C-alpha atoms as a PDB file:
ATOM      1  CA  MET A   1       3.676  -7.719 -11.096  1.00  0.00           C
ATOM      2  CA  ALA A   2       5.680 -10.027 -13.316  1.00  0.00           C
ATOM      3  CA  ALA A   3       8.237 -12.087 -11.439  1.00  0.00           C
ATOM      4  CA  ASN A   4      10.962 -11.544 -14.012  1.00  0.00           C
ATOM      5  CA  ASP A   5      10.863  -7.803 -13.319  1.00  0.00           C
ATOM      6  CA  GLN A   6      11.016  -8.129  -9.563  1.00  0.00           C
ATOM      7  CA  ASN A   7      14.719  -8.867  -9.148  1.00  0.00           C
ATOM      8  CA  ALA A   8      15.956  -6.430 -11.775  1.00  0.00           C
ATOM      9  CA  ARG A   9      16.714  -3.151 -10.030  1.00  0.00           C
ATOM     10  CA  PRO A  10      19.256  -1.404 -12.233  1.00  0.00           C
ATOM     11  CA  GLY A  11      21.324   1.488 -10.990  1.00  0.00           C
ATOM     12  CA  LEU A  12      21.519   4.890 -12.532  1.00  0.00           C
ATOM     13  CA  ASP A  13      24.453   3.840 -14.704  1.00  0.00           C
ATOM     14  CA  VAL A  14      22.103   1.798 -16.895  1.00  0.00           C
ATOM     15  CA  LEU A  15      21.023   5.014 -18.590  1.00  0.00           C
ATOM     16  CA  ALA A  16      24.519   5.727 -19.873  1.00  0.00           C
ATOM     17  CA  GLY A  17      24.684   5.550 -23.634  1.00  0.00           C
ATOM     18  CA  THR A  18      20.919   5.321 -24.159  1.00  0.00           C
ATOM     19  CA  THR A  19      18.551   7.488 -26.137  1.00  0.00           C
ATOM     20  CA  VAL A  20      14.837   7.007 -25.533  1.00  0.00           C
ATOM     21  CA  SER A  21      11.762   9.053 -26.257  1.00  0.00           C
ATOM     22  CA  ALA A  22      10.287  11.241 -23.534  1.00  0.00           C
ATOM     23  CA  PRO A  23       7.308  13.634 -23.361  1.00  0.00           C
ATOM     24  CA  GLY A  24       9.417  16.567 -24.507  1.00  0.00           C
ATOM     25  CA  GLY A  25      12.085  14.881 -26.589  1.00  0.00           C
ATOM     26  CA  ALA A  26      14.910  12.380 -26.025  1.00  0.00           C
ATOM     27  CA  VAL A  27      16.667  11.303 -22.835  1.00  0.00           C
ATOM     28  CA  THR A  28      20.369  11.161 -23.621  1.00  0.00           C
ATOM     29  CA  ASP A  29      23.477   9.878 -21.903  1.00  0.00           C
ATOM     30  CA  THR A  30      24.712  13.467 -21.645  1.00  0.00           C
ATOM     31  CA  ALA A  31      21.783  14.437 -19.462  1.00  0.00           C
ATOM     32  CA  LEU A  32      22.217  11.479 -17.111  1.00  0.00           C
ATOM     33  CA  ALA A  33      25.983  11.021 -17.085  1.00  0.00           C
ATOM     34  CA  GLY A  34      27.942  11.102 -13.852  1.00  0.00           C
ATOM     35  CA  VAL A  35      25.206   9.916 -11.520  1.00  0.00           C
ATOM     36  CA  PRO A  36      26.663   7.365  -9.050  1.00  0.00           C
ATOM     37  CA  VAL A  37      25.581   3.727  -9.140  1.00  0.00           C
ATOM     38  CA  PRO A  38      23.524   2.604  -6.102  1.00  0.00           C
ATOM     39  CA  GLY A  39      25.413  -0.012  -4.123  1.00  0.00           C
ATOM     40  CA  SER A  40      28.777   1.071  -5.517  1.00  0.00           C
ATOM     41  CA  GLY A  41      29.784   2.913  -2.359  1.00  0.00           C
ATOM     42  CA  ALA A  42      29.611   6.261  -4.114  1.00  0.00           C
ATOM     43  CA  VAL A  43      27.649   9.007  -2.376  1.00  0.00           C
ATOM     44  CA  LEU A  44      24.491  10.132  -4.108  1.00  0.00           C
ATOM     45  CA  SER A  45      24.457  13.915  -4.091  1.00  0.00           C
ATOM     46  CA  ASP A  46      21.723  16.427  -4.733  1.00  0.00           C
ATOM     47  CA  ALA A  47      23.961  18.002  -7.368  1.00  0.00           C
ATOM     48  CA  ALA A  48      24.400  14.773  -9.341  1.00  0.00           C
ATOM     49  CA  LEU A  49      20.696  13.990  -9.235  1.00  0.00           C
ATOM     50  CA  ARG A  50      19.807  17.581 -10.126  1.00  0.00           C
ATOM     51  CA  ARG A  51      22.011  17.426 -13.205  1.00  0.00           C
ATOM     52  CA  ALA A  52      20.320  14.196 -14.256  1.00  0.00           C
ATOM     53  CA  LEU A  53      16.734  15.168 -13.534  1.00  0.00           C
ATOM     54  CA  HIS A  54      16.969  18.702 -14.857  1.00  0.00           C
ATOM     55  CA  GLY A  55      18.627  17.302 -17.961  1.00  0.00           C
ATOM     56  CA  LEU A  56      15.405  15.501 -18.857  1.00  0.00           C
ATOM     57  CA  PRO A  57      13.517  17.076 -21.780  1.00  0.00           C
ATOM     58  CA  GLY A  58      10.910  19.624 -20.789  1.00  0.00           C
ATOM     59  CA  VAL A  59       7.254  18.617 -20.923  1.00  0.00           C
ATOM     60  CA  ASP A  60       4.974  20.458 -23.354  1.00  0.00           C
ATOM     61  CA  GLN A  61       2.008  21.167 -21.086  1.00  0.00           C
ATOM     62  CA  THR A  62      -0.202  22.455 -23.886  1.00  0.00           C
ATOM     63  CA  GLY A  63       0.674  19.432 -26.007  1.00  0.00           C
ATOM     64  CA  ALA A  64      -0.097  17.046 -23.129  1.00  0.00           C
ATOM     65  CA  GLN A  65      -3.488  18.646 -22.585  1.00  0.00           C
ATOM     66  CA  ALA A  66      -4.299  18.527 -26.291  1.00  0.00           C
ATOM     67  CA  ARG A  67      -3.218  14.896 -26.587  1.00  0.00           C
ATOM     68  CA  THR A  68      -5.336  13.709 -23.663  1.00  0.00           C
ATOM     69  CA  ALA A  69      -8.323  15.739 -24.870  1.00  0.00           C
ATOM     70  CA  ALA A  70      -8.065  14.102 -28.305  1.00  0.00           C
ATOM     71  CA  LEU A  71      -7.831  10.593 -26.842  1.00  0.00           C
ATOM     72  CA  ALA A  72     -10.878  11.271 -24.668  1.00  0.00           C
ATOM     73  CA  THR A  73     -13.014  11.511 -27.807  1.00  0.00           C
ATOM     74  CA  ARG A  74     -12.265   7.941 -28.901  1.00  0.00           C
ATOM     75  CA  SER A  75     -15.362   5.771 -29.250  1.00  0.00           C
ATOM     76  CA  ILE A  76     -15.342   2.084 -28.287  1.00  0.00           C
ATOM     77  CA  LYS A  77     -17.469  -0.666 -29.804  1.00  0.00           C
ATOM     78  CA  ARG A  78     -19.779  -2.694 -27.583  1.00  0.00           C
ATOM     79  CA  GLU A  79     -17.597  -5.826 -27.496  1.00  0.00           C
ATOM     80  CA  ALA A  80     -14.492  -3.820 -26.688  1.00  0.00           C
ATOM     81  CA  LYS A  81     -16.368  -1.839 -24.037  1.00  0.00           C
ATOM     82  CA  LEU A  82     -17.376  -4.980 -22.154  1.00  0.00           C
ATOM     83  CA  TRP A  83     -13.753  -6.136 -22.208  1.00  0.00           C
ATOM     84  CA  ALA A  84     -12.649  -2.700 -21.003  1.00  0.00           C
ATOM     85  CA  LEU A  85     -15.168  -2.702 -18.145  1.00  0.00           C
ATOM     86  CA  ASP A  86     -13.987  -6.120 -16.950  1.00  0.00           C
ATOM     87  CA  MET A  87     -10.355  -5.040 -17.250  1.00  0.00           C
ATOM     88  CA  ALA A  88     -11.067  -1.871 -15.286  1.00  0.00           C
ATOM     89  CA  VAL A  89     -12.670  -3.964 -12.502  1.00  0.00           C
ATOM     90  CA  ARG A  90      -9.553  -6.143 -12.404  1.00  0.00           C
ATOM     91  CA  MET A  91      -7.389  -3.015 -12.106  1.00  0.00           C
ATOM     92  CA  VAL A  92      -9.209  -1.469  -9.136  1.00  0.00           C
ATOM     93  CA  ASP A  93      -7.453  -1.039  -5.804  1.00  0.00           C
ATOM     94  CA  LEU A  94     -10.608  -0.877  -3.666  1.00  0.00           C
ATOM     95  CA  THR A  95      -9.719   1.638  -1.002  1.00  0.00           C
ATOM     96  CA  THR A  96     -10.815   2.845   2.399  1.00  0.00           C
ATOM     97  CA  LEU A  97      -8.509   5.314   4.129  1.00  0.00           C
ATOM     98  CA  GLU A  98     -10.649   7.126   6.660  1.00  0.00           C
ATOM     99  CA  GLY A  99     -10.099   7.808  10.324  1.00  0.00           C
ATOM    100  CA  ALA A 100     -13.431   6.133  11.025  1.00  0.00           C
ATOM    101  CA  ASP A 101     -12.482   2.830   9.350  1.00  0.00           C
ATOM    102  CA  THR A 102     -13.417  -0.247  11.385  1.00  0.00           C
ATOM    103  CA  PRO A 103     -12.697  -3.976  11.054  1.00  0.00           C
ATOM    104  CA  GLY A 104     -16.330  -4.468  10.033  1.00  0.00           C
ATOM    105  CA  LYS A 105     -16.031  -1.941   7.199  1.00  0.00           C
ATOM    106  CA  VAL A 106     -12.859  -3.617   5.963  1.00  0.00           C
ATOM    107  CA  ARG A 107     -14.511  -7.054   6.052  1.00  0.00           C
ATOM    108  CA  GLY A 108     -17.360  -5.727   3.934  1.00  0.00           C
ATOM    109  CA  LEU A 109     -14.910  -4.160   1.495  1.00  0.00           C
ATOM    110  CA  CYS A 110     -13.023  -7.449   1.192  1.00  0.00           C
ATOM    111  CA  ALA A 111     -16.232  -9.339   0.429  1.00  0.00           C
ATOM    112  CA  LYS A 112     -16.961  -6.797  -2.303  1.00  0.00           C
ATOM    113  CA  ALA A 113     -13.423  -7.138  -3.637  1.00  0.00           C
ATOM    114  CA  ARG A 114     -13.676 -10.914  -3.966  1.00  0.00           C
ATOM    115  CA  HIS A 115     -17.159 -10.929  -5.495  1.00  0.00           C
ATOM    116  CA  PRO A 116     -18.010  -7.450  -6.806  1.00  0.00           C
ATOM    117  CA  ASP A 117     -21.427  -8.617  -8.009  1.00  0.00           C
ATOM    118  CA  PRO A 118     -22.610 -11.700  -6.074  1.00  0.00           C
ATOM    119  CA  ALA A 119     -25.421 -12.135  -8.614  1.00  0.00           C
ATOM    120  CA  ASP A 120     -22.940 -12.480 -11.479  1.00  0.00           C
ATOM    121  CA  PRO A 121     -19.962 -14.789 -10.826  1.00  0.00           C
ATOM    122  CA  ALA A 122     -18.497 -13.806 -14.208  1.00  0.00           C
ATOM    123  CA  VAL A 123     -17.465 -10.436 -12.781  1.00  0.00           C
ATOM    124  CA  PRO A 124     -13.756 -10.690 -11.947  1.00  0.00           C
ATOM    125  CA  PRO A 125     -12.319  -9.780  -8.540  1.00  0.00           C
ATOM    126  CA  VAL A 126     -10.488  -6.491  -8.080  1.00  0.00           C
ATOM    127  CA  ALA A 127      -6.694  -6.249  -7.910  1.00  0.00           C
ATOM    128  CA  ALA A 128      -6.296  -5.255  -4.269  1.00  0.00           C
ATOM    129  CA  VAL A 129      -7.856  -3.826  -1.140  1.00  0.00           C
ATOM    130  CA  CYS A 130      -5.978  -0.817   0.254  1.00  0.00           C
ATOM    131  CA  VAL A 131      -6.172   0.017   3.974  1.00  0.00           C
ATOM    132  CA  TYR A 132      -4.168   1.520   6.824  1.00  0.00           C
ATOM    133  CA  PRO A 133      -1.440  -0.673   8.408  1.00  0.00           C
ATOM    134  CA  ASP A 134      -3.443  -1.471  11.543  1.00  0.00           C
ATOM    135  CA  LEU A 135      -6.176  -3.079   9.432  1.00  0.00           C
ATOM    136  CA  VAL A 136      -3.924  -5.161   7.184  1.00  0.00           C
ATOM    137  CA  ALA A 137      -4.326  -8.291   9.319  1.00  0.00           C
ATOM    138  CA  VAL A 138      -8.116  -8.037   9.086  1.00  0.00           C
ATOM    139  CA  ALA A 139      -7.984  -7.713   5.298  1.00  0.00           C
ATOM    140  CA  LYS A 140      -5.426 -10.500   5.017  1.00  0.00           C
ATOM    141  CA  GLY A 141      -7.662 -12.903   6.889  1.00  0.00           C
ATOM    142  CA  GLU A 142     -10.730 -12.015   4.832  1.00  0.00           C
ATOM    143  CA  LEU A 143      -8.901 -12.352   1.504  1.00  0.00           C
ATOM    144  CA  ALA A 144      -7.050 -15.590   2.274  1.00  0.00           C
ATOM    145  CA  GLY A 145      -7.258 -18.010  -0.631  1.00  0.00           C
ATOM    146  CA  SER A 146      -8.316 -15.337  -3.132  1.00  0.00           C
ATOM    147  CA  GLN A 147      -6.461 -13.553  -5.928  1.00  0.00           C
ATOM    148  CA  VAL A 148      -6.985 -10.174  -4.254  1.00  0.00           C
ATOM    149  CA  ALA A 149      -3.857  -8.572  -2.812  1.00  0.00           C
ATOM    150  CA  VAL A 150      -3.690  -6.572   0.402  1.00  0.00           C
ATOM    151  CA  ALA A 151      -2.160  -3.125   0.012  1.00  0.00           C
ATOM    152  CA  SER A 152      -1.280  -0.790   2.844  1.00  0.00           C
ATOM    153  CA  VAL A 153      -0.381   2.872   2.869  1.00  0.00           C
ATOM    154  CA  ALA A 154       2.714   3.737   4.874  1.00  0.00           C
ATOM    155  CA  THR A 155       5.515   6.257   5.511  1.00  0.00           C
ATOM    156  CA  ALA A 156       3.425   8.825   7.385  1.00  0.00           C
ATOM    157  CA  PHE A 157       0.599   8.822   4.833  1.00  0.00           C
ATOM    158  CA  PRO A 158      -0.619  11.229   3.500  1.00  0.00           C
ATOM    159  CA  SER A 159       1.938  13.940   4.298  1.00  0.00           C
ATOM    160  CA  GLY A 160       5.154  11.918   4.195  1.00  0.00           C
ATOM    161  CA  ARG A 161       6.523  14.218   6.900  1.00  0.00           C
ATOM    162  CA  ALA A 162       8.298  12.019   9.426  1.00  0.00           C
ATOM    163  CA  SER A 163      11.773  10.709  10.144  1.00  0.00           C
ATOM    164  CA  LEU A 164      13.045   7.794   8.097  1.00  0.00           C
ATOM    165  CA  ALA A 165      12.998   5.634  11.227  1.00  0.00           C
ATOM    166  CA  VAL A 166       9.282   6.312  11.717  1.00  0.00           C
ATOM    167  CA  LYS A 167       8.593   5.624   8.041  1.00  0.00           C
ATOM    168  CA  LEU A 168      10.436   2.321   8.114  1.00  0.00           C
ATOM    169  CA  ALA A 169       8.586   1.298  11.286  1.00  0.00           C
ATOM    170  CA  ASP A 170       5.344   2.050   9.451  1.00  0.00           C
ATOM    171  CA  VAL A 171       6.428  -0.207   6.591  1.00  0.00           C
ATOM    172  CA  ALA A 172       7.549  -2.956   8.979  1.00  0.00           C
ATOM    173  CA  GLU A 173       4.134  -2.951  10.662  1.00  0.00           C
ATOM    174  CA  ALA A 174       2.339  -3.276   7.319  1.00  0.00           C
ATOM    175  CA  VAL A 175       4.623  -5.983   5.935  1.00  0.00           C
ATOM    176  CA  GLY A 176       4.665  -7.847   9.234  1.00  0.00           C
ATOM    177  CA  ALA A 177       0.863  -7.971   9.204  1.00  0.00           C
ATOM    178  CA  GLY A 178       0.925  -9.512   5.737  1.00  0.00           C
ATOM    179  CA  ALA A 179       0.718  -6.645   3.239  1.00  0.00           C
ATOM    180  CA  ASP A 180       1.436  -7.771  -0.320  1.00  0.00           C
ATOM    181  CA  GLU A 181       1.872  -4.183  -1.502  1.00  0.00           C
ATOM    182  CA  VAL A 182       2.973  -0.961   0.170  1.00  0.00           C
ATOM    183  CA  ASP A 183       1.868   2.488  -1.013  1.00  0.00           C
ATOM    184  CA  MET A 184       4.411   4.991   0.308  1.00  0.00           C
ATOM    185  CA  VAL A 185       4.420   8.765  -0.075  1.00  0.00           C
ATOM    186  CA  ILE A 186       7.433  10.863  -0.932  1.00  0.00           C
ATOM    187  CA  ASP A 187       8.341  13.954   1.059  1.00  0.00           C
ATOM    188  CA  ARG A 188       7.157  16.592  -1.400  1.00  0.00           C
ATOM    189  CA  GLY A 189       8.774  19.347   0.634  1.00  0.00           C
ATOM    190  CA  ALA A 190      12.154  17.690   0.240  1.00  0.00           C
ATOM    191  CA  PHE A 191      11.617  17.166  -3.486  1.00  0.00           C
ATOM    192  CA  LEU A 192      10.498  20.739  -4.142  1.00  0.00           C
ATOM    193  CA  ALA A 193      13.447  22.059  -2.110  1.00  0.00           C
ATOM    194  CA  GLY A 194      15.825  20.109  -4.360  1.00  0.00           C
ATOM    195  CA  ARG A 195      16.790  17.538  -1.731  1.00  0.00           C
ATOM    196  CA  TYR A 196      16.648  14.788  -4.338  1.00  0.00           C
ATOM    197  CA  ALA A 197      19.169  12.539  -2.590  1.00  0.00           C
ATOM    198  CA  GLN A 198      16.963  12.447   0.526  1.00  0.00           C
ATOM    199  CA  VAL A 199      13.926  11.385  -1.511  1.00  0.00           C
ATOM    200  CA  TYR A 200      15.991   8.828  -3.435  1.00  0.00           C
ATOM    201  CA  GLU A 201      17.469   7.276  -0.293  1.00  0.00           C
ATOM    202  CA  GLU A 202      14.091   7.105   1.452  1.00  0.00           C
ATOM    203  CA  VAL A 203      12.533   5.272  -1.495  1.00  0.00           C
ATOM    204  CA  ARG A 204      15.541   2.956  -1.690  1.00  0.00           C
ATOM    205  CA  ALA A 205      15.341   2.191   2.043  1.00  0.00           C
ATOM    206  CA  VAL A 206      11.600   1.557   1.904  1.00  0.00           C
ATOM    207  CA  ARG A 207      12.054  -0.686  -1.144  1.00  0.00           C
ATOM    208  CA  GLU A 208      14.533  -2.755   0.881  1.00  0.00           C
ATOM    209  CA  ALA A 209      12.204  -2.859   3.898  1.00  0.00           C
ATOM    210  CA  CYS A 210       9.335  -4.108   1.704  1.00  0.00           C
ATOM    211  CA  GLY A 211      11.120  -7.372   0.970  1.00  0.00           C
ATOM    212  CA  SER A 212       8.908  -9.336  -1.428  1.00  0.00           C
ATOM    213  CA  ALA A 213       6.044  -6.836  -1.165  1.00  0.00           C
ATOM    214  CA  HIS A 214       5.589  -4.564  -4.175  1.00  0.00           C
ATOM    215  CA  LEU A 215       6.270  -0.864  -3.646  1.00  0.00           C
ATOM    216  CA  LYS A 216       4.008   1.836  -5.071  1.00  0.00           C
ATOM    217  CA  VAL A 217       5.411   5.336  -4.658  1.00  0.00           C
ATOM    218  CA  ILE A 218       2.900   8.189  -4.380  1.00  0.00           C
ATOM    219  CA  LEU A 219       4.150  11.439  -5.915  1.00  0.00           C
ATOM    220  CA  GLU A 220       1.148  13.577  -4.840  1.00  0.00           C
ATOM    221  CA  THR A 221       1.264  15.302  -8.206  1.00  0.00           C
ATOM    222  CA  GLY A 222      -1.179  18.015  -7.158  1.00  0.00           C
ATOM    223  CA  GLU A 223       1.583  19.452  -4.970  1.00  0.00           C
ATOM    224  CA  LEU A 224       4.358  19.180  -7.559  1.00  0.00           C
ATOM    225  CA  ALA A 225       3.071  22.244  -9.446  1.00  0.00           C
ATOM    226  CA  THR A 226       4.384  21.412 -12.946  1.00  0.00           C
ATOM    227  CA  LEU A 227       4.411  18.503 -15.368  1.00  0.00           C
ATOM    228  CA  ASP A 228       8.195  18.851 -15.521  1.00  0.00           C
ATOM    229  CA  ASN A 229       8.306  18.084 -11.808  1.00  0.00           C
ATOM    230  CA  VAL A 230       5.989  15.100 -12.337  1.00  0.00           C
ATOM    231  CA  SER A 231       8.443  13.755 -14.932  1.00  0.00           C
ATOM    232  CA  ARG A 232      11.456  14.339 -12.672  1.00  0.00           C
ATOM    233  CA  ALA A 233       9.802  12.762  -9.635  1.00  0.00           C
ATOM    234  CA  SER A 234       8.747   9.757 -11.711  1.00  0.00           C
ATOM    235  CA  TRP A 235      12.302   9.120 -12.905  1.00  0.00           C
ATOM    236  CA  LEU A 236      13.776   9.719  -9.442  1.00  0.00           C
ATOM    237  CA  VAL A 237      11.625   7.135  -7.666  1.00  0.00           C
ATOM    238  CA  MET A 238      11.905   4.595 -10.484  1.00  0.00           C
ATOM    239  CA  LEU A 239      15.677   4.825 -10.312  1.00  0.00           C
ATOM    240  CA  ALA A 240      15.406   4.261  -6.551  1.00  0.00           C
ATOM    241  CA  GLY A 241      13.476   1.008  -7.057  1.00  0.00           C
ATOM    242  CA  ALA A 242       9.737   1.769  -7.258  1.00  0.00           C
ATOM    243  CA  ASP A 243       7.596  -1.041  -8.670  1.00  0.00           C
ATOM    244  CA  PHE A 244       4.756   1.409  -9.368  1.00  0.00           C
ATOM    245  CA  ILE A 245       4.505   5.177  -9.542  1.00  0.00           C
ATOM    246  CA  LYS A 246       1.219   6.558  -8.240  1.00  0.00           C
ATOM    247  CA  THR A 247      -0.370   9.932  -8.821  1.00  0.00           C
ATOM    248  CA  SER A 248      -1.953  10.849  -5.542  1.00  0.00           C
ATOM    249  CA  THR A 249      -3.067  10.076  -2.014  1.00  0.00           C
ATOM    250  CA  GLY A 250      -6.644  10.989  -2.888  1.00  0.00           C
ATOM    251  CA  LYS A 251      -6.622  13.391   0.038  1.00  0.00           C
ATOM    252  CA  LEU A 252      -6.251  16.617  -1.953  1.00  0.00           C
ATOM    253  CA  GLN A 253      -7.191  18.108  -5.302  1.00  0.00           C
ATOM    254  CA  PRO A 254      -6.166  18.049  -8.048  1.00  0.00           C
ATOM    255  CA  ALA A 255      -5.474  14.327  -7.808  1.00  0.00           C
ATOM    256  CA  ALA A 256      -5.274  12.099 -10.895  1.00  0.00           C
ATOM    257  CA  THR A 257      -5.617  13.993 -14.169  1.00  0.00           C
ATOM    258  CA  PRO A 258      -5.130  12.739 -17.742  1.00  0.00           C
ATOM    259  CA  PRO A 259      -2.152  15.066 -18.494  1.00  0.00           C
ATOM    260  CA  VAL A 260      -0.375  13.889 -15.344  1.00  0.00           C
ATOM    261  CA  ALA A 261      -1.087  10.262 -16.241  1.00  0.00           C
ATOM    262  CA  LEU A 262       0.240  10.895 -19.766  1.00  0.00           C
ATOM    263  CA  VAL A 263       3.547  12.165 -18.386  1.00  0.00           C
ATOM    264  CA  MET A 264       3.868   9.249 -15.956  1.00  0.00           C
ATOM    265  CA  LEU A 265       2.992   6.673 -18.608  1.00  0.00           C
ATOM    266  CA  SER A 266       5.554   8.221 -20.941  1.00  0.00           C
ATOM    267  CA  ALA A 267       8.127   8.026 -18.149  1.00  0.00           C
ATOM    268  CA  VAL A 268       7.558   4.319 -17.451  1.00  0.00           C
ATOM    269  CA  ARG A 269       7.634   3.529 -21.153  1.00  0.00           C
ATOM    270  CA  ASP A 270      10.951   5.324 -21.592  1.00  0.00           C
ATOM    271  CA  PHE A 271      12.363   3.871 -18.377  1.00  0.00           C
ATOM    272  CA  ALA A 272      11.562   0.365 -19.616  1.00  0.00           C
ATOM    273  CA  ALA A 273      13.279   1.134 -22.927  1.00  0.00           C
ATOM    274  CA  ALA A 274      16.354   2.402 -21.076  1.00  0.00           C
ATOM    275  CA  THR A 275      16.631  -0.242 -18.361  1.00  0.00           C
ATOM    276  CA  GLY A 276      14.632  -3.279 -19.392  1.00  0.00           C
ATOM    277  CA  ARG A 277      12.579  -3.002 -16.194  1.00  0.00           C
ATOM    278  CA  ARG A 278       8.868  -2.329 -16.481  1.00  0.00           C
ATOM    279  CA  VAL A 279       7.316  -0.129 -13.785  1.00  0.00           C
ATOM    280  CA  GLY A 280       3.578   0.207 -13.278  1.00  0.00           C
ATOM    281  CA  VAL A 281       1.388   3.297 -12.946  1.00  0.00           C
ATOM    282  CA  LYS A 282      -1.490   3.843 -10.525  1.00  0.00           C
ATOM    283  CA  VAL A 283      -3.956   6.700 -10.828  1.00  0.00           C
ATOM    284  CA  ALA A 284      -5.834   7.557  -7.651  1.00  0.00           C
ATOM    285  CA  GLY A 285      -8.247  10.233  -6.552  1.00  0.00           C
ATOM    286  CA  GLY A 286     -11.191  11.514  -8.551  1.00  0.00           C
ATOM    287  CA  VAL A 287     -11.752   8.531 -10.878  1.00  0.00           C
ATOM    288  CA  ARG A 288     -15.419   7.858 -10.178  1.00  0.00           C
ATOM    289  CA  THR A 289     -17.090   6.789 -13.424  1.00  0.00           C
ATOM    290  CA  ALA A 290     -16.692   3.967 -15.920  1.00  0.00           C
ATOM    291  CA  LYS A 291     -16.281   6.536 -18.692  1.00  0.00           C
ATOM    292  CA  GLU A 292     -13.284   8.063 -16.906  1.00  0.00           C
ATOM    293  CA  ALA A 293     -11.764   4.638 -16.242  1.00  0.00           C
ATOM    294  CA  ILE A 294     -12.055   3.613 -19.893  1.00  0.00           C
ATOM    295  CA  ARG A 295     -10.458   6.880 -20.980  1.00  0.00           C
ATOM    296  CA  TYR A 296      -7.488   6.004 -18.817  1.00  0.00           C
ATOM    297  CA  LEU A 297      -7.264   2.574 -20.441  1.00  0.00           C
ATOM    298  CA  VAL A 298      -7.152   4.253 -23.860  1.00  0.00           C
ATOM    299  CA  LEU A 299      -4.429   6.560 -22.548  1.00  0.00           C
ATOM    300  CA  VAL A 300      -2.430   3.567 -21.307  1.00  0.00           C
ATOM    301  CA  ARG A 301      -2.743   1.756 -24.635  1.00  0.00           C
ATOM    302  CA  GLU A 302      -1.803   4.771 -26.732  1.00  0.00           C
ATOM    303  CA  THR A 303       1.046   6.025 -24.512  1.00  0.00           C
ATOM    304  CA  ALA A 304       2.803   3.151 -22.749  1.00  0.00           C
ATOM    305  CA  GLY A 305       1.508   0.388 -25.011  1.00  0.00           C
ATOM    306  CA  PRO A 306      -0.487  -2.824 -24.656  1.00  0.00           C
ATOM    307  CA  ASP A 307       2.041  -4.418 -22.281  1.00  0.00           C
ATOM    308  CA  TRP A 308       0.754  -2.053 -19.586  1.00  0.00           C
ATOM    309  CA  LEU A 309      -2.893  -3.053 -20.057  1.00  0.00           C
ATOM    310  CA  SER A 310      -2.792  -5.445 -17.123  1.00  0.00           C
ATOM    311  CA  PRO A 311      -3.393  -5.183 -13.359  1.00  0.00           C
ATOM    312  CA  ASP A 312       0.312  -6.042 -13.045  1.00  0.00           C
ATOM    313  CA  TYR A 313       1.195  -2.651 -14.532  1.00  0.00           C
ATOM    314  CA  PHE A 314      -1.817  -0.371 -14.255  1.00  0.00           C
ATOM    315  CA  ARG A 315      -4.117   0.245 -11.288  1.00  0.00           C
ATOM    316  CA  ILE A 316      -6.927   2.602 -10.403  1.00  0.00           C
ATOM    317  CA  GLY A 317      -7.234   3.533  -6.749  1.00  0.00           C
ATOM    318  CA  ALA A 318     -10.893   4.182  -5.970  1.00  0.00           C
ATOM    319  CA  SER A 319     -13.783   3.679  -3.588  1.00  0.00           C
ATOM    320  CA  SER A 320     -16.915   4.615  -5.558  1.00  0.00           C
ATOM    321  CA  LEU A 321     -15.751   3.673  -9.083  1.00  0.00           C
ATOM    322  CA  LEU A 322     -16.474  -0.046  -8.777  1.00  0.00           C
ATOM    323  CA  ASN A 323     -20.252   0.358  -8.550  1.00  0.00           C
ATOM    324  CA  ASP A 324     -20.375   2.474 -11.689  1.00  0.00           C
ATOM    325  CA  LEU A 325     -18.316  -0.133 -13.539  1.00  0.00           C
ATOM    326  CA  LEU A 326     -20.820  -2.785 -12.428  1.00  0.00           C
ATOM    327  CA  MET A 327     -23.798  -0.678 -13.500  1.00  0.00           C
ATOM    328  CA  GLN A 328     -22.307  -0.025 -16.921  1.00  0.00           C
ATOM    329  CA  ARG A 329     -21.427  -3.693 -17.300  1.00  0.00           C
ATOM    330  CA  SER A 330     -25.022  -4.692 -16.506  1.00  0.00           C
ATOM    331  CA  LYS A 331     -26.273  -2.228 -19.103  1.00  0.00           C
ATOM    332  CA  GLN A 332     -23.958  -3.704 -21.749  1.00  0.00           C
ATOM    333  CA  LEU A 333     -25.255  -7.213 -21.052  1.00  0.00           C
ATOM    334  CA  THR A 334     -28.965  -6.541 -20.543  1.00  0.00           C
ATOM    335  CA  GLY A 335     -29.633  -3.265 -22.328  1.00  0.00           C
ATOM    336  CA  ALA A 336     -31.171  -1.885 -19.137  1.00  0.00           C
ATOM    337  CA  TYR A 337     -29.460   0.475 -16.744  1.00  0.00           C
ATOM    338  CA  ALA A 338     -29.403  -0.890 -13.187  1.00  0.00           C
ATOM    339  CA  GLY A 339     -29.379   1.724 -10.467  1.00  0.00           C
ATOM    340  CA  PRO A 340     -26.936   1.771  -7.531  1.00  0.00           C
ATOM    341  CA  ASP A 341     -29.490   0.098  -5.257  1.00  0.00           C
ATOM    342  CA  TYR A 342     -28.849  -3.158  -7.130  1.00  0.00           C
ATOM    343  CA  PHE A 343     -25.240  -3.281  -5.904  1.00  0.00           C
ATOM    344  CA  THR A 344     -23.676  -3.410  -2.471  1.00  0.00           C
ATOM    345  CA  LEU A 345     -22.096  -0.231  -1.150  1.00  0.00           C
ATOM    346  CA  ASP A 346     -18.307   0.044  -1.512  1.00  0.00           C
END
């Protein structure tokens, strides 16, 4: 993430007097007026946040589906495809989040992250390795001296159902062990019940507890029911200080989908126009093939714009995707399709 974005955490008052495009229309100062400024001493209320979030333009679900379906038909020339495959590798958060995870498994994953294809040093490293907090120290040691970041889930992942004290202790453990990035989950029950101030304050508190570590906020969009809720949740957590907004935990279906990604990419684009602060997007869960990954890159380019085509602002959380990217890359270079046996297991 770009350093010049890291210290800029504008309050809700920044949106006053702005008009920016959104998936269903324009975000206006009328819709977002009267929301207290964080740090001003004013109390954030559910009512004030509800007025702001429910004042956002509605999302055209049919239009979102049609738009993503149209973009999925785009063809890419060979030279551009090789660039896209390398970029997708660089955007991967290589992930293991299983109860059976061991230090040995994490060490193997870190070796893969640093050198995805040992036979081809031209293959770039991935963006990050994502693990549970108790395995952060193992990953940190294995990745020392590399470009690969260590990410840790936290805040009672994957449910997000715990007291704030427990969530902050979870974050402290991860950061204390050396996590460069923290992937937190919002309390979807609180959000769906309209307790927006609780969600806002939890994200704000976790952002503070992260210190210099980047904060990715998981919305678990499969439980939010509507694209309107995806838009509202995106704005809520960005206003609270999220560095990234993330689709899913990967623990339930549906996880990442192109219409959901379209709404989130539109939200970060409009948020940047309103505040001057660029927030990233991470899709996670269900992205398994190079074809799917490239479709997401097209979606990023056509929705948020080229500034988001960077690991600093777009990530793909995955475990099995990397091998397919490597196989497709080999095919582009040699003309022959290499099977999965030619690559190490993720």
